[in-house]
Amino acid sequence: MNLASEAPRKKGGQIYLLFGLVLVCAVVAAGWFYMRDRTAPSLTLTPSQGVVGASSSVQVAAEDTASGIRSLTVSMTRSGRTTVLLDKTYPDKPGAVSESIDLAAAELKDGTFEISAAATDGSIFNFGAGNKARASAELRYDSKPPSVSVASGTIYVKRGGTGVVAYTLSEPVQRTGVFVGDVFFPAYKRADGVYVCYYAFPYYVEFKDFAPAIEAEDLAGNERRRKLSLQPKDHEFRHDVINLPDSFLDSKMPDFEGIVPGEMTNLERFLKVNREVRKDNRAALIGIGRKTADLPLWQGAFQRMAGAPRAGFGDQRSYRYDGKEVDRQTHLGVDIASLQHYPVPAANDGVVVFADFMGIYGNCVIIDHGQGLQTLYAHLSEIGVALGETVAKGQIIGKTGVTGMAGGDHLHFGVLVSGIPVSPVEWWDAGWIRDNVTSKLP
C-alpha cells in the first residue's frame, strides 16, 4: 500500500466534497431567497381615470426590489375586443421598470375603454411562475377639440393698449386664453361659465404682425385655436433723448453696486443696469402677473395721481453720454411729477402682490385688480402698504421719490396685463372703459 499516493488522493476528495457542499448551500440559499419572495410587485397606471386624447400616453410602472421584474404585459379592451399593446420580458430582472404606452398608435375611437397591465416578478415561487400583480383603469378617449363661441362684439385695440374678450367653451379645459405671438394671456372663468381674458397689443409688436388668437386645450390635450376678429389701430411712439451727466452716474450708480458687483466705470455699471437688470425686472413682472384673483376687484375709472406728466408710455429713449448714443430702451409707464415726497394713491381697489425694492423701479408697489390686471408704482421714497394687504381706490400706498433709476422725484405709474406693460391712459378714461371693457362683457 502506497501511503504517499493515498494522502493526496484523499485530500483531493475532501476538496471536491467541500466544493460540492458550498455549491449545494448556494443553490439552497438562492432557492430560499427566491422562494421566500411571495409578495407581488407594485404596479401603477397613470392616469388611473379621466379623459385622454391622441397626444396622451399611459405610464405603466412596476417595482419589485426583492427579485426584480421578469415581464410586463399591457392590453386594451374596447367593445369586448382586447388588443395587446405591450408584451415585454426583462432578462436581467431590474428592480423597477417604466413603460409609456402611446395611445395614438392604438387607433382608438371616441368613447370609454379599459387598459389593463400585469407584471410578474423574478421569484421562483409558485413553481417558478413568480408573483403576479394586476392593475386596470377605465378611461375615456376624446379626439375632438373644444369649440369656442365669442360673446364680445367688435373689438378695438390700439398698439400699446389693452384688449378684452369674453367667450364660452363647449367642454371643460385645462388651459385657455389668448396668444399674441408667443405671449400667453390666461383667461379667467366666471361663475356663469363665461371666460374673460385681458390681453395686450404689445408696444414691440408691429401692426402687420398683430394677430391675437383664443386657444383652448381640453382635458384630453386636444387644442383649438381661433383667431380673434378685431379692429386694431396702429400708434407711433415718440422719441426722447436722455443725457447722462457724470453727476447723475456718480450719485446713482453706487446704489447698484450690490446688484451689479465688480470693478467697472459708472457708465459700464449704468449700461448693465439699464440692459440686464431692466430685462430681469420685466421678466419678474410676468411671474407677478400670475398672482392674480380670478374675479375683478376694481370698479370704475382708475385714479391718476395729481401732477404734471414728465414722460409717456412707449417713449423710445436714446441715452447719450459725452455726446454719443450709448443705449436705447423703451419707457413703459407714465411719469408724473408733483411735490417732493407727494402721497401716492392706489389707482383702484385691489390686493398688494409686491411691496419691495425692484432694480430699476426702486421701491415699488404692485396692486392686483384681478384677472391679470395690475398697477405698478415705482421710485417711491416710502412704501406704506404690506404684501397681501387689501387696498381701496384712493388709499395712500406710499410717497414719491428718487429710488431706482429715477433722476428726480416723481412717480412712475404703470399698468400691466399678465405682466405685460400697457398704456395707463386708457384706464384713466371712464369712456374708454365703458366702450372697450364693460360693454364687451356679457
Protein backbone atom coordinates (compact mmCIF):
# COMPACT_ATOMS: atom_id res chain seq x y z
CA MET A 1 0.00 0.00 0.00
CA ASN A 2 1.42 3.35 -1.10
CA LEU A 3 0.60 5.74 1.71
CA ALA A 4 2.34 8.64 -0.08
CA SER A 5 -0.05 8.49 -3.09
CA GLU A 6 -3.14 7.78 -0.93
CA ALA A 7 -2.82 11.04 1.06
CA PRO A 8 -3.08 13.45 -1.93
CA ARG A 9 -6.00 11.44 -3.32
CA LYS A 10 -7.83 11.70 -0.01
CA LYS A 11 -7.09 15.41 0.21
CA GLY A 12 -8.42 15.98 -3.31
CA GLY A 13 -11.62 14.15 -2.48
CA GLN A 14 -12.15 16.35 0.51
CA ILE A 15 -11.76 19.48 -1.65
CA TYR A 16 -14.33 18.20 -4.13
CA LEU A 17 -16.67 17.35 -1.29
CA LEU A 18 -16.25 20.82 0.22
CA PHE A 19 -16.86 22.47 -3.16
CA GLY A 20 -20.00 20.38 -3.59
CA LEU A 21 -21.28 21.36 -0.19
CA VAL A 22 -20.68 25.04 -0.97
CA LEU A 23 -22.48 24.69 -4.29
CA VAL A 24 -25.41 22.95 -2.68
CA CYS A 25 -25.59 25.64 0.02
CA ALA A 26 -25.54 28.33 -2.65
CA VAL A 27 -28.32 26.66 -4.58
CA VAL A 28 -30.33 26.17 -1.43
CA ALA A 29 -29.70 29.78 -0.39
CA ALA A 30 -30.71 31.07 -3.81
CA GLY A 31 -33.74 28.90 -3.83
CA TRP A 32 -34.65 30.02 -0.36
CA PHE A 33 -34.14 33.65 -1.37
CA TYR A 34 -36.42 33.38 -4.37
CA MET A 35 -38.89 31.09 -2.69
CA ARG A 36 -39.24 33.42 0.27
CA ASP A 37 -40.40 36.25 -2.04
CA ARG A 38 -44.14 35.67 -2.01
CA THR A 39 -45.10 39.34 -2.45
CA ALA A 40 -46.38 40.58 -5.79
CA PRO A 41 -44.69 43.60 -7.40
CA SER A 42 -46.16 47.06 -7.06
CA LEU A 43 -47.92 48.15 -10.25
CA THR A 44 -49.41 51.53 -11.18
CA LEU A 45 -51.19 53.01 -14.18
CA THR A 46 -51.11 56.75 -14.80
CA PRO A 47 -53.65 58.18 -15.41
CA SER A 48 -55.86 55.82 -13.45
CA GLN A 49 -59.05 57.58 -14.55
CA GLY A 50 -60.29 60.54 -16.59
CA VAL A 51 -60.03 61.67 -20.19
CA VAL A 52 -57.19 61.06 -22.64
CA GLY A 53 -56.53 62.02 -26.24
CA ALA A 54 -54.28 61.30 -29.19
CA SER A 55 -51.43 63.27 -27.63
CA SER A 56 -51.81 61.40 -24.34
CA SER A 57 -49.85 58.41 -23.09
CA VAL A 58 -50.37 55.92 -20.30
CA GLN A 59 -47.44 55.37 -17.96
CA VAL A 60 -47.05 51.85 -16.55
CA ALA A 61 -44.62 51.41 -13.65
CA ALA A 62 -43.72 48.17 -11.84
CA GLU A 63 -41.30 47.65 -8.97
CA ASP A 64 -40.00 44.63 -7.04
CA THR A 65 -36.80 45.13 -5.07
CA ALA A 66 -36.71 41.53 -3.79
CA SER A 67 -36.45 39.55 -7.03
CA GLY A 68 -36.87 42.11 -9.82
CA ILE A 69 -39.35 42.34 -12.68
CA ARG A 70 -39.42 39.45 -15.13
CA SER A 71 -42.17 40.54 -17.53
CA LEU A 72 -44.80 43.20 -18.18
CA THR A 73 -47.93 42.96 -20.29
CA VAL A 74 -50.35 45.77 -21.19
CA SER A 75 -53.62 45.31 -23.07
CA MET A 76 -56.62 47.39 -24.07
CA THR A 77 -60.26 46.27 -24.12
CA ARG A 78 -62.94 48.11 -26.04
CA SER A 79 -66.38 46.85 -27.11
CA GLY A 80 -65.45 43.35 -25.98
CA ARG A 81 -62.29 43.23 -28.08
CA THR A 82 -58.89 43.00 -26.41
CA THR A 83 -55.66 44.19 -28.03
CA VAL A 84 -52.18 43.61 -26.59
CA LEU A 85 -50.22 46.88 -26.56
CA LEU A 86 -47.08 45.63 -24.82
CA ASP A 87 -45.63 42.21 -24.03
CA LYS A 88 -42.08 42.51 -22.76
CA THR A 89 -39.63 40.37 -20.79
CA TYR A 90 -36.59 41.63 -18.88
CA PRO A 91 -33.76 39.05 -18.84
CA ASP A 92 -31.73 41.00 -16.26
CA LYS A 93 -34.78 41.36 -13.94
CA PRO A 94 -34.40 45.04 -12.97
CA GLY A 95 -35.83 46.20 -9.66
CA ALA A 96 -38.10 48.73 -11.37
CA VAL A 97 -39.39 49.28 -14.91
CA SER A 98 -41.43 52.02 -16.53
CA GLU A 99 -43.08 51.94 -19.93
CA SER A 100 -45.01 54.59 -21.87
CA ILE A 101 -47.96 53.49 -23.97
CA ASP A 102 -48.62 55.79 -26.92
CA LEU A 103 -52.38 55.96 -27.41
CA ALA A 104 -52.10 57.41 -30.91
CA ALA A 105 -50.76 54.05 -32.09
CA ALA A 106 -53.75 52.24 -30.58
CA GLU A 107 -56.12 53.75 -33.20
CA LEU A 108 -58.81 54.45 -30.65
CA LYS A 109 -62.23 55.93 -31.32
CA ASP A 110 -64.06 58.31 -29.04
CA GLY A 111 -65.58 56.60 -26.03
CA THR A 112 -64.61 54.59 -22.96
CA PHE A 113 -62.07 51.78 -22.90
CA GLU A 114 -60.22 49.72 -20.31
CA ILE A 115 -56.47 49.39 -20.10
CA SER A 116 -55.02 46.50 -18.10
CA ALA A 117 -51.50 45.63 -17.03
CA ALA A 118 -49.86 42.57 -15.48
CA ALA A 119 -46.36 42.45 -14.00
CA THR A 120 -44.51 39.25 -12.96
CA ASP A 121 -41.52 39.26 -10.66
CA GLY A 122 -38.38 37.10 -10.86
CA SER A 123 -39.25 34.85 -7.92
CA ILE A 124 -39.37 31.05 -8.41
CA PHE A 125 -42.27 30.88 -6.01
CA ASN A 126 -45.41 29.22 -7.31
CA PHE A 127 -43.39 26.50 -9.12
CA GLY A 128 -41.26 29.05 -10.93
CA ALA A 129 -44.14 31.19 -12.18
CA GLY A 130 -43.33 34.01 -9.76
CA ASN A 131 -45.69 36.53 -8.21
CA LYS A 132 -48.00 38.50 -10.46
CA ALA A 133 -49.65 41.91 -9.96
CA ARG A 134 -52.55 43.26 -11.99
CA ALA A 135 -53.97 46.76 -12.44
CA SER A 136 -56.62 48.27 -14.66
CA ALA A 137 -58.13 51.66 -15.41
CA GLU A 138 -61.23 52.81 -17.24
CA LEU A 139 -60.52 55.86 -19.40
CA ARG A 140 -62.43 57.92 -21.91
CA TYR A 141 -60.87 58.74 -25.26
CA ASP A 142 -61.65 62.19 -26.72
CA SER A 143 -60.28 63.29 -30.08
CA LYS A 144 -62.39 66.43 -30.59
CA PRO A 145 -61.03 69.86 -29.59
CA PRO A 146 -63.34 72.26 -27.75
CA SER A 147 -65.43 74.73 -29.73
CA VAL A 148 -65.16 78.46 -28.97
CA SER A 149 -68.04 80.92 -29.04
CA VAL A 150 -67.05 84.59 -28.71
CA ALA A 151 -69.56 86.70 -26.79
CA SER A 152 -67.85 90.08 -27.32
CA GLY A 153 -68.75 92.37 -30.20
CA THR A 154 -66.24 94.16 -32.42
CA ILE A 155 -63.00 94.68 -30.53
CA TYR A 156 -60.91 97.81 -30.99
CA VAL A 157 -57.39 97.75 -29.62
CA LYS A 158 -54.55 100.21 -30.11
CA ARG A 159 -50.88 99.35 -30.29
CA GLY A 160 -49.57 99.59 -26.74
CA GLY A 161 -53.09 99.22 -25.37
CA THR A 162 -55.40 96.62 -23.87
CA GLY A 163 -57.99 94.33 -25.42
CA VAL A 164 -60.61 92.24 -23.67
CA VAL A 165 -62.63 89.30 -24.95
CA ALA A 166 -65.37 87.16 -23.41
CA TYR A 167 -66.19 83.69 -24.72
CA THR A 168 -67.63 80.29 -23.83
CA LEU A 169 -66.30 76.79 -24.44
CA SER A 170 -68.12 73.56 -25.24
CA GLU A 171 -66.33 71.50 -22.58
CA PRO A 172 -64.06 71.77 -19.53
CA VAL A 173 -60.47 72.73 -20.32
CA GLN A 174 -57.12 72.60 -18.60
CA ARG A 175 -55.87 75.84 -20.17
CA THR A 176 -57.33 78.69 -22.16
CA GLY A 177 -56.52 82.28 -23.00
CA VAL A 178 -55.25 84.49 -25.79
CA PHE A 179 -51.94 84.13 -27.58
CA VAL A 180 -50.32 87.21 -29.06
CA GLY A 181 -47.32 85.82 -30.88
CA ASP A 182 -45.62 83.62 -28.30
CA VAL A 183 -47.02 85.54 -25.31
CA PHE A 184 -49.88 83.84 -23.47
CA PHE A 185 -52.55 85.81 -21.62
CA PRO A 186 -54.60 83.48 -19.37
CA ALA A 187 -58.39 83.71 -19.31
CA TYR A 188 -60.42 83.53 -16.10
CA LYS A 189 -63.72 81.71 -15.73
CA ARG A 190 -66.73 83.45 -14.19
CA ALA A 191 -69.44 81.73 -12.17
CA ASP A 192 -71.74 81.78 -15.23
CA GLY A 193 -69.20 79.83 -17.28
CA VAL A 194 -68.01 82.79 -19.37
CA TYR A 195 -64.25 83.16 -19.80
CA VAL A 196 -62.79 86.69 -19.64
CA CYS A 197 -59.35 87.46 -21.00
CA TYR A 198 -57.43 90.74 -20.92
CA TYR A 199 -54.60 90.82 -23.42
CA ALA A 200 -52.14 93.40 -24.73
CA PHE A 201 -51.23 94.76 -28.12
CA PRO A 202 -47.57 94.89 -27.03
CA TYR A 203 -45.68 98.04 -27.91
CA TYR A 204 -42.96 95.98 -29.64
CA VAL A 205 -45.33 94.11 -31.99
CA GLU A 206 -45.64 95.61 -35.45
CA PHE A 207 -49.15 96.41 -36.65
CA LYS A 208 -48.95 93.88 -39.50
CA ASP A 209 -47.91 91.12 -37.11
CA PHE A 210 -50.66 91.59 -34.52
CA ALA A 211 -52.94 88.54 -34.75
CA PRO A 212 -54.29 87.51 -31.35
CA ALA A 213 -55.99 84.14 -31.13
CA ILE A 214 -58.00 82.32 -28.47
CA GLU A 215 -56.54 78.96 -27.56
CA ALA A 216 -58.27 76.26 -25.53
CA GLU A 217 -56.82 72.89 -24.51
CA ASP A 218 -59.29 70.35 -23.18
CA LEU A 219 -58.66 67.69 -20.55
CA ALA A 220 -57.60 65.21 -23.23
CA GLY A 221 -54.96 67.57 -24.63
CA ASN A 222 -56.92 68.50 -27.78
CA GLU A 223 -56.27 72.11 -28.78
CA ARG A 224 -58.42 74.65 -30.56
CA ARG A 225 -57.07 77.99 -31.77
CA ARG A 226 -59.43 80.66 -33.09
CA LYS A 227 -58.21 83.96 -34.46
CA LEU A 228 -59.92 86.98 -32.96
CA SER A 229 -61.97 89.28 -35.16
CA LEU A 230 -60.96 92.82 -34.23
CA GLN A 231 -60.11 96.28 -35.44
CA PRO A 232 -56.51 97.05 -34.44
CA LYS A 233 -55.17 100.59 -34.52
CA ASP A 234 -51.55 101.48 -35.08
CA HIS A 235 -49.75 104.03 -32.94
CA GLU A 236 -46.44 105.81 -33.31
CA PHE A 237 -44.48 106.35 -30.13
CA ARG A 238 -42.48 109.49 -29.63
CA HIS A 239 -38.69 109.60 -29.40
CA ASP A 240 -36.88 111.07 -26.44
CA VAL A 241 -33.19 111.77 -25.72
CA ILE A 242 -31.80 111.23 -22.21
CA ASN A 243 -28.42 112.79 -21.49
CA LEU A 244 -26.29 111.09 -18.86
CA PRO A 245 -24.18 113.64 -16.96
CA ASP A 246 -21.44 112.39 -14.67
CA SER A 247 -23.27 113.95 -11.73
CA PHE A 248 -26.19 111.54 -12.30
CA LEU A 249 -23.95 108.50 -12.73
CA ASP A 250 -21.83 109.42 -9.68
CA SER A 251 -24.87 109.81 -7.45
CA LYS A 252 -26.96 106.90 -8.73
CA MET A 253 -24.61 104.04 -9.61
CA PRO A 254 -23.30 103.36 -6.06
CA ASP A 255 -26.86 102.24 -5.23
CA PHE A 256 -26.48 99.39 -7.73
CA GLU A 257 -23.07 98.07 -6.70
CA GLY A 258 -24.74 95.26 -4.78
CA ILE A 259 -26.88 94.28 -7.77
CA VAL A 260 -24.10 94.66 -10.37
CA PRO A 261 -20.85 94.00 -8.46
CA GLY A 262 -17.31 94.20 -9.78
CA GLU A 263 -14.78 96.77 -10.87
CA MET A 264 -16.16 98.95 -13.64
CA THR A 265 -16.82 102.55 -14.51
CA ASN A 266 -20.10 104.21 -13.60
CA LEU A 267 -21.09 104.21 -17.26
CA GLU A 268 -20.38 100.49 -17.59
CA ARG A 269 -22.46 99.79 -14.49
CA PHE A 270 -25.26 102.00 -15.81
CA LEU A 271 -25.37 100.07 -19.08
CA LYS A 272 -25.55 96.73 -17.23
CA VAL A 273 -28.39 98.03 -15.06
CA ASN A 274 -30.22 99.62 -17.98
CA ARG A 275 -29.99 96.45 -20.06
CA GLU A 276 -29.60 93.34 -17.90
CA VAL A 277 -31.31 94.42 -14.67
CA ARG A 278 -34.15 96.01 -16.66
CA LYS A 279 -34.63 92.72 -18.54
CA ASP A 280 -34.66 90.73 -15.28
CA ASN A 281 -37.17 93.12 -13.70
CA ARG A 282 -39.55 92.84 -16.63
CA ALA A 283 -39.30 89.06 -16.50
CA ALA A 284 -40.21 89.24 -12.81
CA LEU A 285 -43.35 91.20 -13.72
CA ILE A 286 -44.55 88.23 -15.79
CA GLY A 287 -44.35 85.99 -12.72
CA ILE A 288 -46.06 88.54 -10.52
CA GLY A 289 -48.76 88.88 -13.16
CA ARG A 290 -49.81 85.28 -12.46
CA LYS A 291 -50.50 86.20 -8.81
CA THR A 292 -53.97 87.44 -9.56
CA ALA A 293 -57.57 86.97 -8.46
CA ASP A 294 -59.92 85.04 -10.75
CA LEU A 295 -62.58 87.76 -10.43
CA PRO A 296 -62.31 91.54 -10.98
CA LEU A 297 -61.51 93.55 -7.85
CA TRP A 298 -61.69 97.01 -9.45
CA GLN A 299 -64.58 99.35 -10.19
CA GLY A 300 -64.82 102.37 -12.48
CA ALA A 301 -62.05 104.51 -13.94
CA PHE A 302 -58.58 104.27 -12.44
CA GLN A 303 -57.41 107.22 -10.36
CA ARG A 304 -54.45 109.28 -11.55
CA MET A 305 -52.09 110.92 -9.08
CA ALA A 306 -52.18 114.69 -9.31
CA GLY A 307 -49.16 116.21 -11.02
CA ALA A 308 -47.56 117.05 -14.34
CA PRO A 309 -46.67 114.34 -16.88
CA ARG A 310 -42.94 114.04 -17.49
CA ALA A 311 -42.68 111.00 -19.80
CA GLY A 312 -45.22 108.90 -21.66
CA PHE A 313 -45.85 105.25 -22.29
CA GLY A 314 -43.85 103.77 -25.15
CA ASP A 315 -41.35 106.65 -25.41
CA GLN A 316 -38.36 105.44 -27.40
CA ARG A 317 -35.39 106.66 -25.40
CA SER A 318 -31.89 107.25 -26.68
CA TYR A 319 -29.30 107.53 -23.91
CA ARG A 320 -26.35 109.80 -24.64
CA TYR A 321 -23.07 110.15 -22.79
CA ASP A 322 -20.47 112.72 -23.75
CA GLY A 323 -22.47 113.47 -26.90
CA LYS A 324 -22.61 109.83 -28.11
CA GLU A 325 -25.51 107.41 -28.05
CA VAL A 326 -24.71 104.53 -25.67
CA ASP A 327 -28.07 102.74 -25.30
CA ARG A 328 -31.72 102.57 -26.35
CA GLN A 329 -34.69 101.49 -24.24
CA THR A 330 -38.46 101.90 -24.11
CA HIS A 331 -40.24 103.72 -21.29
CA LEU A 332 -43.19 101.58 -20.23
CA GLY A 333 -45.23 103.76 -17.95
CA VAL A 334 -46.22 107.37 -17.33
CA ASP A 335 -44.00 109.59 -15.17
CA ILE A 336 -45.93 112.08 -13.01
CA ALA A 337 -44.14 114.78 -11.02
CA SER A 338 -45.67 116.75 -8.17
CA LEU A 339 -44.27 117.98 -4.87
CA GLN A 340 -41.35 116.16 -3.31
CA HIS A 341 -42.45 113.04 -1.40
CA TYR A 342 -46.00 113.51 -2.63
CA PRO A 343 -48.61 110.97 -1.37
CA VAL A 344 -49.35 108.26 -3.95
CA PRO A 345 -52.94 106.93 -4.12
CA ALA A 346 -53.96 103.43 -5.17
CA ALA A 347 -55.46 103.70 -8.64
CA ASN A 348 -58.25 101.25 -7.83
CA ASP A 349 -59.37 98.58 -5.39
CA GLY A 350 -57.14 95.55 -5.15
CA VAL A 351 -54.61 93.49 -3.24
CA VAL A 352 -50.89 94.24 -2.85
CA VAL A 353 -48.87 91.49 -4.56
CA PHE A 354 -45.45 93.19 -4.38
CA ALA A 355 -44.03 95.78 -1.97
CA ASP A 356 -40.24 95.87 -2.04
CA PHE A 357 -37.17 97.11 -3.91
CA MET A 358 -37.03 96.06 -7.57
CA GLY A 359 -33.97 97.12 -9.53
CA ILE A 360 -34.66 99.95 -11.97
CA TYR A 361 -38.02 100.63 -10.31
CA GLY A 362 -36.51 101.19 -6.87
CA ASN A 363 -39.03 100.96 -4.05
CA CYS A 364 -42.06 99.54 -5.81
CA VAL A 365 -45.65 98.54 -5.10
CA ILE A 366 -47.76 96.37 -7.40
CA ILE A 367 -51.51 96.07 -6.82
CA ASP A 368 -53.55 93.25 -8.32
CA HIS A 369 -57.02 94.20 -9.60
CA GLY A 370 -57.98 90.69 -10.69
CA GLN A 371 -57.92 88.66 -13.91
CA GLY A 372 -54.31 89.62 -14.68
CA LEU A 373 -54.86 93.39 -14.45
CA GLN A 374 -52.32 95.13 -12.16
CA THR A 375 -50.89 98.60 -11.49
CA LEU A 376 -47.29 99.47 -10.67
CA TYR A 377 -45.97 102.38 -8.57
CA ALA A 378 -42.21 102.93 -8.77
CA HIS A 379 -39.37 105.12 -7.42
CA LEU A 380 -41.13 105.52 -4.06
CA SER A 381 -39.33 107.14 -1.14
CA GLU A 382 -41.64 105.29 1.25
CA ILE A 383 -43.81 102.17 0.98
CA GLY A 384 -46.95 102.45 3.09
CA VAL A 385 -48.59 99.06 2.48
CA ALA A 386 -47.68 95.43 3.09
CA LEU A 387 -47.70 92.35 0.91
CA GLY A 388 -51.16 90.79 0.86
CA GLU A 389 -52.92 93.92 2.11
CA THR A 390 -56.30 94.84 0.61
CA VAL A 391 -56.40 98.46 -0.53
CA ALA A 392 -59.16 100.79 -1.71
CA LYS A 393 -59.12 103.27 -4.57
CA GLY A 394 -57.52 106.50 -3.37
CA GLN A 395 -55.82 104.93 -0.35
CA ILE A 396 -52.28 106.26 0.13
CA ILE A 397 -49.80 103.46 -0.52
CA GLY A 398 -46.52 105.42 -0.38
CA LYS A 399 -44.74 108.61 -1.34
CA THR A 400 -42.91 109.68 -4.49
CA GLY A 401 -39.12 109.58 -4.54
CA VAL A 402 -35.92 109.03 -6.50
CA THR A 403 -35.17 105.35 -5.81
CA GLY A 404 -34.12 103.03 -8.60
CA MET A 405 -33.12 104.74 -11.84
CA ALA A 406 -35.08 107.94 -11.20
CA GLY A 407 -33.24 111.16 -11.93
CA GLY A 408 -35.70 113.31 -9.98
CA ASP A 409 -38.58 112.96 -7.54
CA HIS A 410 -41.61 111.53 -9.37
CA LEU A 411 -43.97 108.57 -9.67
CA HIS A 412 -43.53 106.04 -12.44
CA PHE A 413 -47.05 104.66 -12.88
CA GLY A 414 -47.62 101.53 -14.92
CA VAL A 415 -50.50 99.26 -15.90
CA LEU A 416 -49.77 95.58 -16.52
CA VAL A 417 -51.82 92.88 -18.23
CA SER A 418 -50.49 89.47 -17.16
CA GLY A 419 -47.16 91.22 -16.59
CA ILE A 420 -47.02 92.96 -19.99
CA PRO A 421 -46.97 96.78 -19.73
CA VAL A 422 -49.82 98.64 -21.45
CA SER A 423 -50.78 102.29 -21.72
CA PRO A 424 -52.20 103.66 -18.44
CA VAL A 425 -54.00 106.49 -20.25
CA GLU A 426 -56.79 104.16 -21.38
CA TRP A 427 -57.53 103.06 -17.81
CA TRP A 428 -57.87 106.66 -16.60
CA ASP A 429 -60.67 107.17 -19.13
CA ALA A 430 -64.18 106.13 -17.96
CA GLY A 431 -65.47 106.36 -21.55
CA TRP A 432 -62.77 104.03 -22.86
CA ILE A 433 -63.52 101.51 -20.10
CA ARG A 434 -67.24 101.63 -20.90
CA ASP A 435 -66.74 101.23 -24.65
CA ASN A 436 -63.87 98.71 -24.63
CA VAL A 437 -64.22 96.70 -21.43
CA THR A 438 -67.58 96.64 -19.67
CA SER A 439 -69.61 96.68 -22.89
CA LYS A 440 -67.65 93.65 -24.12
CA LEU A 441 -68.51 91.55 -21.09
CA PRO A 442 -71.95 89.89 -21.17
